[in-house]
Each structure stands twice: as structure tokens, then as C-alpha cells.
Amino acid sequence: LVFEGVTNANGASVTLSTEPGLSIQGDRTLILPTGKRTEAKVILLSER
């Protein structure tokens, strides 16, 4: 994932979720700094 365009002085936030059958391995929230490009890697486990 790549996030850009954060202009709010307090930054921005990201929340991740999935449907049953797919689960997130790791953090479900991110904080994005103002004016910076942020890259993230989300690891998912397929259950079916």
C-alpha cells in the first residue's frame, strides 16, 4: 500500500479489516504523517 496527499496538520489514520476467510497478520492501524509518502506492507493469511 502507498499513501500520499496527507495535508491535515494532525496527519491521517488508516484502519484495516478483512472478511471471514482472510485474516491480517500484524497491525491493523497506521498513522500517516503530513506531507509524506507512506509505504506499508500488509500480510494476509487466506483461510479458504
All heavy atoms as atom14 arrays in JSON, in Angstrom:
{
  "sequence": "LVFEGVTNANGASVTLSTEPGLSIQGDRTLILPTGKRTEAKVILLSER",
  "atom14_mask": [
    [1, 1, 1, 1, 1, 1, 1, 1, 0, 0, 0, 0, 0, 0],
    [1, 1, 1, 1, 1, 1, 1, 0, 0, 0, 0, 0, 0, 0],
    [1, 1, 1, 1, 1, 1, 1, 1, 1, 1, 1, 0, 0, 0],
    [1, 1, 1, 1, 1, 1, 1, 1, 1, 0, 0, 0, 0, 0],
    [1, 1, 1, 1, 0, 0, 0, 0, 0, 0, 0, 0, 0, 0],
    [1, 1, 1, 1, 1, 1, 1, 0, 0, 0, 0, 0, 0, 0],
    [1, 1, 1, 1, 1, 1, 1, 0, 0, 0, 0, 0, 0, 0],
    [1, 1, 1, 1, 1, 1, 1, 1, 0, 0, 0, 0, 0, 0],
    [1, 1, 1, 1, 1, 0, 0, 0, 0, 0, 0, 0, 0, 0],
    [1, 1, 1, 1, 1, 1, 1, 1, 0, 0, 0, 0, 0, 0],
    [1, 1, 1, 1, 0, 0, 0, 0, 0, 0, 0, 0, 0, 0],
    [1, 1, 1, 1, 1, 0, 0, 0, 0, 0, 0, 0, 0, 0],
    [1, 1, 1, 1, 1, 1, 0, 0, 0, 0, 0, 0, 0, 0],
    [1, 1, 1, 1, 1, 1, 1, 0, 0, 0, 0, 0, 0, 0],
    [1, 1, 1, 1, 1, 1, 1, 0, 0, 0, 0, 0, 0, 0],
    [1, 1, 1, 1, 1, 1, 1, 1, 0, 0, 0, 0, 0, 0],
    [1, 1, 1, 1, 1, 1, 0, 0, 0, 0, 0, 0, 0, 0],
    [1, 1, 1, 1, 1, 1, 1, 0, 0, 0, 0, 0, 0, 0],
    [1, 1, 1, 1, 1, 1, 1, 1, 1, 0, 0, 0, 0, 0],
    [1, 1, 1, 1, 1, 1, 1, 0, 0, 0, 0, 0, 0, 0],
    [1, 1, 1, 1, 0, 0, 0, 0, 0, 0, 0, 0, 0, 0],
    [1, 1, 1, 1, 1, 1, 1, 1, 0, 0, 0, 0, 0, 0],
    [1, 1, 1, 1, 1, 1, 0, 0, 0, 0, 0, 0, 0, 0],
    [1, 1, 1, 1, 1, 1, 1, 1, 0, 0, 0, 0, 0, 0],
    [1, 1, 1, 1, 1, 1, 1, 1, 1, 0, 0, 0, 0, 0],
    [1, 1, 1, 1, 0, 0, 0, 0, 0, 0, 0, 0, 0, 0],
    [1, 1, 1, 1, 1, 1, 1, 1, 0, 0, 0, 0, 0, 0],
    [1, 1, 1, 1, 1, 1, 1, 1, 1, 1, 1, 0, 0, 0],
    [1, 1, 1, 1, 1, 1, 1, 0, 0, 0, 0, 0, 0, 0],
    [1, 1, 1, 1, 1, 1, 1, 1, 0, 0, 0, 0, 0, 0],
    [1, 1, 1, 1, 1, 1, 1, 1, 0, 0, 0, 0, 0, 0],
    [1, 1, 1, 1, 1, 1, 1, 1, 0, 0, 0, 0, 0, 0],
    [1, 1, 1, 1, 1, 1, 1, 0, 0, 0, 0, 0, 0, 0],
    [1, 1, 1, 1, 1, 1, 1, 0, 0, 0, 0, 0, 0, 0],
    [1, 1, 1, 1, 0, 0, 0, 0, 0, 0, 0, 0, 0, 0],
    [1, 1, 1, 1, 1, 1, 1, 1, 1, 0, 0, 0, 0, 0],
    [1, 1, 1, 1, 1, 1, 1, 1, 1, 1, 1, 0, 0, 0],
    [1, 1, 1, 1, 1, 1, 1, 0, 0, 0, 0, 0, 0, 0],
    [1, 1, 1, 1, 1, 1, 1, 1, 1, 0, 0, 0, 0, 0],
    [1, 1, 1, 1, 1, 0, 0, 0, 0, 0, 0, 0, 0, 0],
    [1, 1, 1, 1, 1, 1, 1, 1, 1, 0, 0, 0, 0, 0],
    [1, 1, 1, 1, 1, 1, 1, 0, 0, 0, 0, 0, 0, 0],
    [1, 1, 1, 1, 1, 1, 1, 1, 0, 0, 0, 0, 0, 0],
    [1, 1, 1, 1, 1, 1, 1, 1, 0, 0, 0, 0, 0, 0],
    [1, 1, 1, 1, 1, 1, 1, 1, 0, 0, 0, 0, 0, 0],
    [1, 1, 1, 1, 1, 1, 0, 0, 0, 0, 0, 0, 0, 0],
    [1, 1, 1, 1, 1, 1, 1, 1, 1, 0, 0, 0, 0, 0],
    [1, 1, 1, 1, 1, 1, 1, 1, 1, 1, 1, 0, 0, 0]
  ],
  "atom14_positions": [
    [[0.85, -1.19, 0.0], [0.0, 0.0, 0.0], [0.89, 1.24, 0.0], [1.92, 1.27, 0.68], [-0.89, 0.03, 1.24], [-1.89, -1.11, 1.41], [-2.52, -1.07, 2.79], [-2.95, -1.04, 0.33], [0.0, 0.0, 0.0], [0.0, 0.0, 0.0], [0.0, 0.0, 0.0], [0.0, 0.0, 0.0], [0.0, 0.0, 0.0], [0.0, 0.0, 0.0]],
    [[0.48, 2.27, -0.75], [1.18, 3.55, -0.75], [0.15, 4.64, -0.51], [-0.89, 4.68, -1.17], [1.91, 3.81, -2.09], [2.54, 5.19, -2.11], [2.97, 2.74, -2.33], [0.0, 0.0, 0.0], [0.0, 0.0, 0.0], [0.0, 0.0, 0.0], [0.0, 0.0, 0.0], [0.0, 0.0, 0.0], [0.0, 0.0, 0.0], [0.0, 0.0, 0.0]],
    [[0.44, 5.51, 0.47], [-0.46, 6.6, 0.84], [0.22, 7.94, 0.57], [1.38, 8.13, 0.94], [-0.82, 6.52, 2.33], [-1.44, 5.2, 2.71], [-0.65, 4.18, 3.23], [-2.8, 4.98, 2.56], [-1.2, 2.96, 3.58], [-3.36, 3.76, 2.91], [-2.56, 2.75, 3.43], [0.0, 0.0, 0.0], [0.0, 0.0, 0.0], [0.0, 0.0, 0.0]],
    [[-0.51, 8.88, -0.04], [0.01, 10.22, -0.31], [-1.13, 11.23, -0.14], [-2.29, 10.85, -0.08], [0.56, 10.31, -1.74], [1.76, 9.42, -1.99], [2.27, 9.53, -3.41], [1.61, 8.98, -4.31], [3.32, 10.16, -3.6], [0.0, 0.0, 0.0], [0.0, 0.0, 0.0], [0.0, 0.0, 0.0], [0.0, 0.0, 0.0], [0.0, 0.0, 0.0]],
    [[-0.78, 12.5, -0.1], [-1.8, 13.55, -0.07], [-2.3, 13.91, 1.31], [-3.38, 14.48, 1.43], [0.0, 0.0, 0.0], [0.0, 0.0, 0.0], [0.0, 0.0, 0.0], [0.0, 0.0, 0.0], [0.0, 0.0, 0.0], [0.0, 0.0, 0.0], [0.0, 0.0, 0.0], [0.0, 0.0, 0.0], [0.0, 0.0, 0.0], [0.0, 0.0, 0.0]],
    [[-1.55, 13.6, 2.35], [-1.97, 13.96, 3.71], [-1.63, 15.44, 3.93], [-0.46, 15.82, 3.88], [-1.29, 13.07, 4.77], [-1.72, 13.5, 6.17], [-1.62, 11.61, 4.52], [0.0, 0.0, 0.0], [0.0, 0.0, 0.0], [0.0, 0.0, 0.0], [0.0, 0.0, 0.0], [0.0, 0.0, 0.0], [0.0, 0.0, 0.0], [0.0, 0.0, 0.0]],
    [[-2.65, 16.26, 4.15], [-2.47, 17.7, 4.31], [-2.87, 18.19, 5.7], [-2.48, 19.29, 6.08], [-3.29, 18.47, 3.26], [-4.65, 18.07, 3.37], [-2.78, 18.16, 1.85], [0.0, 0.0, 0.0], [0.0, 0.0, 0.0], [0.0, 0.0, 0.0], [0.0, 0.0, 0.0], [0.0, 0.0, 0.0], [0.0, 0.0, 0.0], [0.0, 0.0, 0.0]],
    [[-3.63, 17.41, 6.44], [-4.08, 17.82, 7.76], [-2.87, 17.91, 8.69], [-2.0, 17.04, 8.69], [-5.09, 16.8, 8.3], [-5.75, 17.25, 9.59], [-5.09, 17.39, 10.61], [-7.05, 17.47, 9.52], [0.0, 0.0, 0.0], [0.0, 0.0, 0.0], [0.0, 0.0, 0.0], [0.0, 0.0, 0.0], [0.0, 0.0, 0.0], [0.0, 0.0, 0.0]],
    [[-2.81, 18.96, 9.5], [-1.69, 19.16, 10.42], [-1.52, 18.0, 11.4], [-0.41, 17.72, 11.85], [-1.88, 20.47, 11.19], [0.0, 0.0, 0.0], [0.0, 0.0, 0.0], [0.0, 0.0, 0.0], [0.0, 0.0, 0.0], [0.0, 0.0, 0.0], [0.0, 0.0, 0.0], [0.0, 0.0, 0.0], [0.0, 0.0, 0.0], [0.0, 0.0, 0.0]],
    [[-2.61, 17.31, 11.71], [-2.56, 16.17, 12.63], [-2.28, 14.85, 11.91], [-2.34, 13.79, 12.53], [-3.86, 16.06, 13.42], [-4.07, 17.25, 14.32], [-3.11, 17.79, 14.88], [-5.31, 17.69, 14.45], [0.0, 0.0, 0.0], [0.0, 0.0, 0.0], [0.0, 0.0, 0.0], [0.0, 0.0, 0.0], [0.0, 0.0, 0.0], [0.0, 0.0, 0.0]],
    [[-2.04, 14.91, 10.61], [-1.81, 13.69, 9.85], [-3.11, 12.99, 9.51], [-4.18, 13.6, 9.51], [0.0, 0.0, 0.0], [0.0, 0.0, 0.0], [0.0, 0.0, 0.0], [0.0, 0.0, 0.0], [0.0, 0.0, 0.0], [0.0, 0.0, 0.0], [0.0, 0.0, 0.0], [0.0, 0.0, 0.0], [0.0, 0.0, 0.0], [0.0, 0.0, 0.0]],
    [[-3.01, 11.72, 9.22], [-4.18, 10.92, 8.87], [-4.0, 9.53, 9.48], [-2.92, 9.17, 9.93], [-4.33, 10.81, 7.35], [0.0, 0.0, 0.0], [0.0, 0.0, 0.0], [0.0, 0.0, 0.0], [0.0, 0.0, 0.0], [0.0, 0.0, 0.0], [0.0, 0.0, 0.0], [0.0, 0.0, 0.0], [0.0, 0.0, 0.0], [0.0, 0.0, 0.0]],
    [[-5.08, 8.76, 9.49], [-5.0, 7.41, 10.03], [-5.59, 6.41, 9.04], [-6.4, 6.76, 8.19], [-5.73, 7.31, 11.37], [-7.11, 7.54, 11.18], [0.0, 0.0, 0.0], [0.0, 0.0, 0.0], [0.0, 0.0, 0.0], [0.0, 0.0, 0.0], [0.0, 0.0, 0.0], [0.0, 0.0, 0.0], [0.0, 0.0, 0.0], [0.0, 0.0, 0.0]],
    [[-5.13, 5.17, 9.19], [-5.6, 4.07, 8.34], [-6.01, 2.94, 9.26], [-5.31, 2.61, 10.22], [-4.48, 3.58, 7.4], [-4.94, 2.38, 6.59], [-4.01, 4.69, 6.49], [0.0, 0.0, 0.0], [0.0, 0.0, 0.0], [0.0, 0.0, 0.0], [0.0, 0.0, 0.0], [0.0, 0.0, 0.0], [0.0, 0.0, 0.0], [0.0, 0.0, 0.0]],
    [[-7.17, 2.36, 8.98], [-7.63, 1.16, 9.69], [-7.88, 0.08, 8.66], [-8.49, 0.34, 7.62], [-8.93, 1.46, 10.48], [-8.7, 2.54, 11.37], [-9.39, 0.24, 11.26], [0.0, 0.0, 0.0], [0.0, 0.0, 0.0], [0.0, 0.0, 0.0], [0.0, 0.0, 0.0], [0.0, 0.0, 0.0], [0.0, 0.0, 0.0], [0.0, 0.0, 0.0]],
    [[-7.39, -1.11, 8.94], [-7.52, -2.24, 8.02], [-8.46, -3.29, 8.59], [-8.46, -3.53, 9.8], [-6.15, -2.89, 7.78], [-5.04, -1.97, 7.3], [-3.7, -2.69, 7.34], [-5.33, -1.47, 5.9], [0.0, 0.0, 0.0], [0.0, 0.0, 0.0], [0.0, 0.0, 0.0], [0.0, 0.0, 0.0], [0.0, 0.0, 0.0], [0.0, 0.0, 0.0]],
    [[-9.26, -3.91, 7.73], [-10.1, -5.03, 8.15], [-10.27, -5.98, 6.97], [-9.97, -5.64, 5.84], [-11.46, -4.54, 8.66], [-12.24, -4.05, 7.59], [0.0, 0.0, 0.0], [0.0, 0.0, 0.0], [0.0, 0.0, 0.0], [0.0, 0.0, 0.0], [0.0, 0.0, 0.0], [0.0, 0.0, 0.0], [0.0, 0.0, 0.0], [0.0, 0.0, 0.0]],
    [[-10.73, -7.19, 7.26], [-10.98, -8.19, 6.22], [-12.3, -8.88, 6.5], [-12.92, -8.7, 7.54], [-9.87, -9.27, 6.2], [-9.8, -9.87, 7.49], [-8.53, -8.69, 5.83], [0.0, 0.0, 0.0], [0.0, 0.0, 0.0], [0.0, 0.0, 0.0], [0.0, 0.0, 0.0], [0.0, 0.0, 0.0], [0.0, 0.0, 0.0], [0.0, 0.0, 0.0]],
    [[-12.69, -9.69, 5.54], [-13.88, -10.52, 5.67], [-13.48, -11.89, 6.2], [-12.3, -12.26, 6.1], [-14.53, -10.69, 4.3], [-14.89, -9.37, 3.65], [-15.32, -9.55, 2.2], [-14.88, -10.51, 1.54], [-16.1, -8.71, 1.75], [0.0, 0.0, 0.0], [0.0, 0.0, 0.0], [0.0, 0.0, 0.0], [0.0, 0.0, 0.0], [0.0, 0.0, 0.0]],
    [[-14.43, -12.66, 6.74], [-14.1, -14.03, 7.13], [-13.54, -14.8, 5.92], [-14.04, -14.67, 4.82], [-15.45, -14.61, 7.57], [-16.26, -13.42, 7.95], [-15.82, -12.31, 7.04], [0.0, 0.0, 0.0], [0.0, 0.0, 0.0], [0.0, 0.0, 0.0], [0.0, 0.0, 0.0], [0.0, 0.0, 0.0], [0.0, 0.0, 0.0], [0.0, 0.0, 0.0]],
    [[-12.47, -15.54, 6.15], [-11.79, -16.25, 5.07], [-10.43, -15.67, 4.77], [-9.6, -16.28, 4.1], [0.0, 0.0, 0.0], [0.0, 0.0, 0.0], [0.0, 0.0, 0.0], [0.0, 0.0, 0.0], [0.0, 0.0, 0.0], [0.0, 0.0, 0.0], [0.0, 0.0, 0.0], [0.0, 0.0, 0.0], [0.0, 0.0, 0.0], [0.0, 0.0, 0.0]],
    [[-10.19, -14.45, 5.27], [-8.92, -13.75, 5.06], [-8.6, -13.05, 6.37], [-9.47, -12.4, 6.96], [-9.1, -12.72, 3.95], [-7.88, -12.09, 3.32], [-7.03, -13.13, 2.6], [-8.3, -11.02, 2.32], [0.0, 0.0, 0.0], [0.0, 0.0, 0.0], [0.0, 0.0, 0.0], [0.0, 0.0, 0.0], [0.0, 0.0, 0.0], [0.0, 0.0, 0.0]],
    [[-7.37, -13.2, 6.88], [-7.03, -12.54, 8.14], [-5.73, -11.77, 8.02], [-4.83, -12.14, 7.27], [-6.95, -13.56, 9.29], [-5.94, -14.51, 9.03], [0.0, 0.0, 0.0], [0.0, 0.0, 0.0], [0.0, 0.0, 0.0], [0.0, 0.0, 0.0], [0.0, 0.0, 0.0], [0.0, 0.0, 0.0], [0.0, 0.0, 0.0], [0.0, 0.0, 0.0]],
    [[-5.66, -10.67, 8.77], [-4.48, -9.8, 8.78], [-3.5, -10.33, 9.8], [-3.86, -10.61, 10.94], [-4.89, -8.35, 9.12], [-5.85, -7.82, 8.06], [-3.66, -7.46, 9.26], [-6.5, -6.5, 8.41], [0.0, 0.0, 0.0], [0.0, 0.0, 0.0], [0.0, 0.0, 0.0], [0.0, 0.0, 0.0], [0.0, 0.0, 0.0], [0.0, 0.0, 0.0]],
    [[-2.24, -10.44, 9.4], [-1.17, -10.89, 10.28], [-0.35, -9.65, 10.66], [0.54, -9.26, 9.92], [-0.28, -11.92, 9.57], [-1.05, -13.08, 8.98], [-1.72, -13.92, 10.02], [-1.08, -14.52, 10.85], [-3.05, -13.95, 9.99], [0.0, 0.0, 0.0], [0.0, 0.0, 0.0], [0.0, 0.0, 0.0], [0.0, 0.0, 0.0], [0.0, 0.0, 0.0]],
    [[-0.67, -9.02, 11.75], [0.07, -7.82, 12.17], [-0.86, -6.68, 12.51], [-2.05, -6.87, 12.78], [0.0, 0.0, 0.0], [0.0, 0.0, 0.0], [0.0, 0.0, 0.0], [0.0, 0.0, 0.0], [0.0, 0.0, 0.0], [0.0, 0.0, 0.0], [0.0, 0.0, 0.0], [0.0, 0.0, 0.0], [0.0, 0.0, 0.0], [0.0, 0.0, 0.0]],
    [[-0.3, -5.46, 12.5], [-1.04, -4.26, 12.89], [-2.21, -3.99, 11.96], [-2.13, -4.2, 10.76], [-0.12, -3.04, 12.91], [0.91, -3.1, 14.02], [0.65, -3.79, 15.02], [1.96, -2.47, 13.88], [0.0, 0.0, 0.0], [0.0, 0.0, 0.0], [0.0, 0.0, 0.0], [0.0, 0.0, 0.0], [0.0, 0.0, 0.0], [0.0, 0.0, 0.0]],
    [[-3.29, -3.49, 12.54], [-4.49, -3.14, 11.78], [-4.66, -1.63, 11.65], [-5.63, -1.18, 11.06], [-5.73, -3.73, 12.45], [-5.74, -5.24, 12.43], [-6.94, -5.8, 13.18], [-6.98, -7.24, 13.07], [-7.69, -7.89, 12.15], [-8.43, -7.24, 11.3], [-7.66, -9.2, 12.11], [0.0, 0.0, 0.0], [0.0, 0.0, 0.0], [0.0, 0.0, 0.0]],
    [[-3.76, -0.86, 12.24], [-3.85, 0.6, 12.16], [-2.5, 1.2, 11.79], [-1.45, 0.64, 12.12], [-4.32, 1.22, 13.49], [-3.4, 0.85, 14.52], [-5.71, 0.77, 13.86], [0.0, 0.0, 0.0], [0.0, 0.0, 0.0], [0.0, 0.0, 0.0], [0.0, 0.0, 0.0], [0.0, 0.0, 0.0], [0.0, 0.0, 0.0], [0.0, 0.0, 0.0]],
    [[-2.55, 2.31, 11.09], [-1.36, 3.06, 10.7], [-1.62, 4.54, 10.94], [-2.76, 5.0, 10.8], [-1.05, 2.88, 9.21], [-0.78, 1.49, 8.67], [-0.91, 1.5, 7.16], [0.61, 1.07, 9.07], [0.0, 0.0, 0.0], [0.0, 0.0, 0.0], [0.0, 0.0, 0.0], [0.0, 0.0, 0.0], [0.0, 0.0, 0.0], [0.0, 0.0, 0.0]],
    [[-0.58, 5.27, 11.24], [-0.66, 6.73, 11.33], [0.17, 7.28, 10.18], [1.32, 6.89, 9.98], [-0.1, 7.24, 12.69], [-0.88, 6.62, 13.85], [-0.13, 8.76, 12.74], [-2.36, 6.93, 13.85], [0.0, 0.0, 0.0], [0.0, 0.0, 0.0], [0.0, 0.0, 0.0], [0.0, 0.0, 0.0], [0.0, 0.0, 0.0], [0.0, 0.0, 0.0]],
    [[-0.43, 8.19, 9.4], [0.25, 8.77, 8.24], [0.69, 10.2, 8.56], [-0.13, 11.02, 8.97], [-0.69, 8.79, 7.04], [-1.35, 7.46, 6.67], [-2.3, 7.65, 5.49], [-0.29, 6.41, 6.35], [0.0, 0.0, 0.0], [0.0, 0.0, 0.0], [0.0, 0.0, 0.0], [0.0, 0.0, 0.0], [0.0, 0.0, 0.0], [0.0, 0.0, 0.0]],
    [[1.97, 10.52, 8.38], [2.46, 11.87, 8.65], [2.03, 12.85, 7.56], [1.82, 12.47, 6.41], [3.97, 11.71, 8.7], [4.25, 10.5, 7.84], [3.06, 9.62, 7.98], [0.0, 0.0, 0.0], [0.0, 0.0, 0.0], [0.0, 0.0, 0.0], [0.0, 0.0, 0.0], [0.0, 0.0, 0.0], [0.0, 0.0, 0.0], [0.0, 0.0, 0.0]],
    [[1.95, 14.12, 7.93], [1.58, 15.18, 7.0], [2.66, 15.36, 5.94], [3.85, 15.4, 6.25], [1.39, 16.51, 7.77], [0.43, 16.29, 8.79], [0.92, 17.61, 6.85], [0.0, 0.0, 0.0], [0.0, 0.0, 0.0], [0.0, 0.0, 0.0], [0.0, 0.0, 0.0], [0.0, 0.0, 0.0], [0.0, 0.0, 0.0], [0.0, 0.0, 0.0]],
    [[2.24, 15.47, 4.67], [3.13, 15.82, 3.58], [4.14, 14.77, 3.16], [5.04, 15.06, 2.39], [0.0, 0.0, 0.0], [0.0, 0.0, 0.0], [0.0, 0.0, 0.0], [0.0, 0.0, 0.0], [0.0, 0.0, 0.0], [0.0, 0.0, 0.0], [0.0, 0.0, 0.0], [0.0, 0.0, 0.0], [0.0, 0.0, 0.0], [0.0, 0.0, 0.0]],
    [[4.01, 13.55, 3.62], [4.98, 12.5, 3.27], [4.29, 11.32, 2.61], [3.15, 11.0, 2.91], [5.71, 12.01, 4.52], [6.45, 13.11, 5.21], [7.63, 12.59, 5.93], [8.27, 13.8, 6.56], [9.49, 13.8, 6.99], [0.0, 0.0, 0.0], [0.0, 0.0, 0.0], [0.0, 0.0, 0.0], [0.0, 0.0, 0.0], [0.0, 0.0, 0.0]],
    [[5.02, 10.68, 1.74], [4.57, 9.43, 1.12], [4.84, 8.31, 2.13], [5.94, 8.21, 2.66], [5.35, 9.2, -0.17], [5.11, 7.88, -0.83], [6.07, 7.74, -2.02], [6.13, 6.39, -2.49], [5.64, 5.97, -3.65], [5.07, 6.83, -4.47], [5.73, 4.71, -4.0], [0.0, 0.0, 0.0], [0.0, 0.0, 0.0], [0.0, 0.0, 0.0]],
    [[3.84, 7.47, 2.38], [4.0, 6.37, 3.33], [3.74, 5.06, 2.61], [2.73, 4.91, 1.93], [3.01, 6.51, 4.51], [3.21, 7.78, 5.13], [3.19, 5.4, 5.52], [0.0, 0.0, 0.0], [0.0, 0.0, 0.0], [0.0, 0.0, 0.0], [0.0, 0.0, 0.0], [0.0, 0.0, 0.0], [0.0, 0.0, 0.0], [0.0, 0.0, 0.0]],
    [[4.67, 4.11, 2.77], [4.51, 2.78, 2.19], [4.28, 1.78, 3.31], [4.9, 1.89, 4.37], [5.75, 2.39, 1.38], [5.97, 3.29, 0.18], [7.19, 2.9, -0.64], [7.73, 1.79, -0.43], [7.59, 3.71, -1.49], [0.0, 0.0, 0.0], [0.0, 0.0, 0.0], [0.0, 0.0, 0.0], [0.0, 0.0, 0.0], [0.0, 0.0, 0.0]],
    [[3.39, 0.82, 3.07], [3.11, -0.22, 4.07], [2.94, -1.55, 3.36], [2.51, -1.6, 2.2], [1.85, 0.12, 4.84], [0.0, 0.0, 0.0], [0.0, 0.0, 0.0], [0.0, 0.0, 0.0], [0.0, 0.0, 0.0], [0.0, 0.0, 0.0], [0.0, 0.0, 0.0], [0.0, 0.0, 0.0], [0.0, 0.0, 0.0], [0.0, 0.0, 0.0]],
    [[3.29, -2.62, 4.06], [3.09, -3.97, 3.54], [2.17, -4.68, 4.52], [2.47, -4.77, 5.71], [4.4, -4.72, 3.42], [4.23, -6.13, 2.83], [5.51, -6.93, 2.86], [6.38, -6.54, 1.71], [7.54, -7.46, 1.56], [0.0, 0.0, 0.0], [0.0, 0.0, 0.0], [0.0, 0.0, 0.0], [0.0, 0.0, 0.0], [0.0, 0.0, 0.0]],
    [[1.05, -5.17, 4.03], [0.08, -5.89, 4.85], [0.2, -7.37, 4.51], [0.14, -7.76, 3.34], [-1.36, -5.4, 4.57], [-2.36, -6.15, 5.42], [-1.46, -3.9, 4.79], [0.0, 0.0, 0.0], [0.0, 0.0, 0.0], [0.0, 0.0, 0.0], [0.0, 0.0, 0.0], [0.0, 0.0, 0.0], [0.0, 0.0, 0.0], [0.0, 0.0, 0.0]],
    [[0.38, -8.2, 5.54], [0.48, -9.65, 5.35], [-0.89, -10.25, 5.66], [-1.44, -10.03, 6.74], [1.56, -10.27, 6.27], [2.91, -9.58, 6.07], [1.66, -11.77, 6.03], [3.48, -9.7, 4.68], [0.0, 0.0, 0.0], [0.0, 0.0, 0.0], [0.0, 0.0, 0.0], [0.0, 0.0, 0.0], [0.0, 0.0, 0.0], [0.0, 0.0, 0.0]],
    [[-1.41, -11.01, 4.7], [-2.73, -11.64, 4.83], [-2.59, -13.15, 4.79], [-1.74, -13.68, 4.07], [-3.64, -11.2, 3.68], [-3.87, -9.7, 3.54], [-4.62, -9.41, 2.24], [-4.63, -9.16, 4.72], [0.0, 0.0, 0.0], [0.0, 0.0, 0.0], [0.0, 0.0, 0.0], [0.0, 0.0, 0.0], [0.0, 0.0, 0.0], [0.0, 0.0, 0.0]],
    [[-3.43, -13.83, 5.52], [-3.49, -15.3, 5.51], [-4.83, -15.71, 4.93], [-5.89, -15.33, 5.45], [-3.34, -15.87, 6.92], [-3.49, -17.39, 7.04], [-2.36, -18.1, 6.3], [-3.53, -17.8, 8.49], [0.0, 0.0, 0.0], [0.0, 0.0, 0.0], [0.0, 0.0, 0.0], [0.0, 0.0, 0.0], [0.0, 0.0, 0.0], [0.0, 0.0, 0.0]],
    [[-4.79, -16.48, 3.83], [-6.01, -17.0, 3.21], [-6.42, -18.27, 3.92], [-5.63, -19.2, 4.04], [-5.78, -17.27, 1.73], [-5.53, -16.07, 1.05], [0.0, 0.0, 0.0], [0.0, 0.0, 0.0], [0.0, 0.0, 0.0], [0.0, 0.0, 0.0], [0.0, 0.0, 0.0], [0.0, 0.0, 0.0], [0.0, 0.0, 0.0], [0.0, 0.0, 0.0]],
    [[-7.66, -18.32, 4.38], [-8.14, -19.47, 5.15], [-8.99, -20.42, 4.32], [-9.21, -21.55, 4.72], [-8.92, -18.95, 6.36], [-8.02, -18.14, 7.28], [-8.78, -17.28, 8.28], [-10.01, -17.17, 8.18], [-8.1, -16.71, 9.15], [0.0, 0.0, 0.0], [0.0, 0.0, 0.0], [0.0, 0.0, 0.0], [0.0, 0.0, 0.0], [0.0, 0.0, 0.0]],
    [[-9.49, -19.95, 3.17], [-10.26, -20.82, 2.28], [-10.32, -20.18, 0.89], [-9.96, -19.02, 0.72], [-11.65, -21.07, 2.83], [-12.52, -19.85, 2.98], [-13.9, -20.25, 3.52], [-14.79, -19.12, 3.53], [-15.06, -18.39, 4.58], [-14.48, -18.64, 5.73], [-15.91, -17.39, 4.51], [0.0, 0.0, 0.0], [0.0, 0.0, 0.0], [0.0, 0.0, 0.0]]
  ]
}
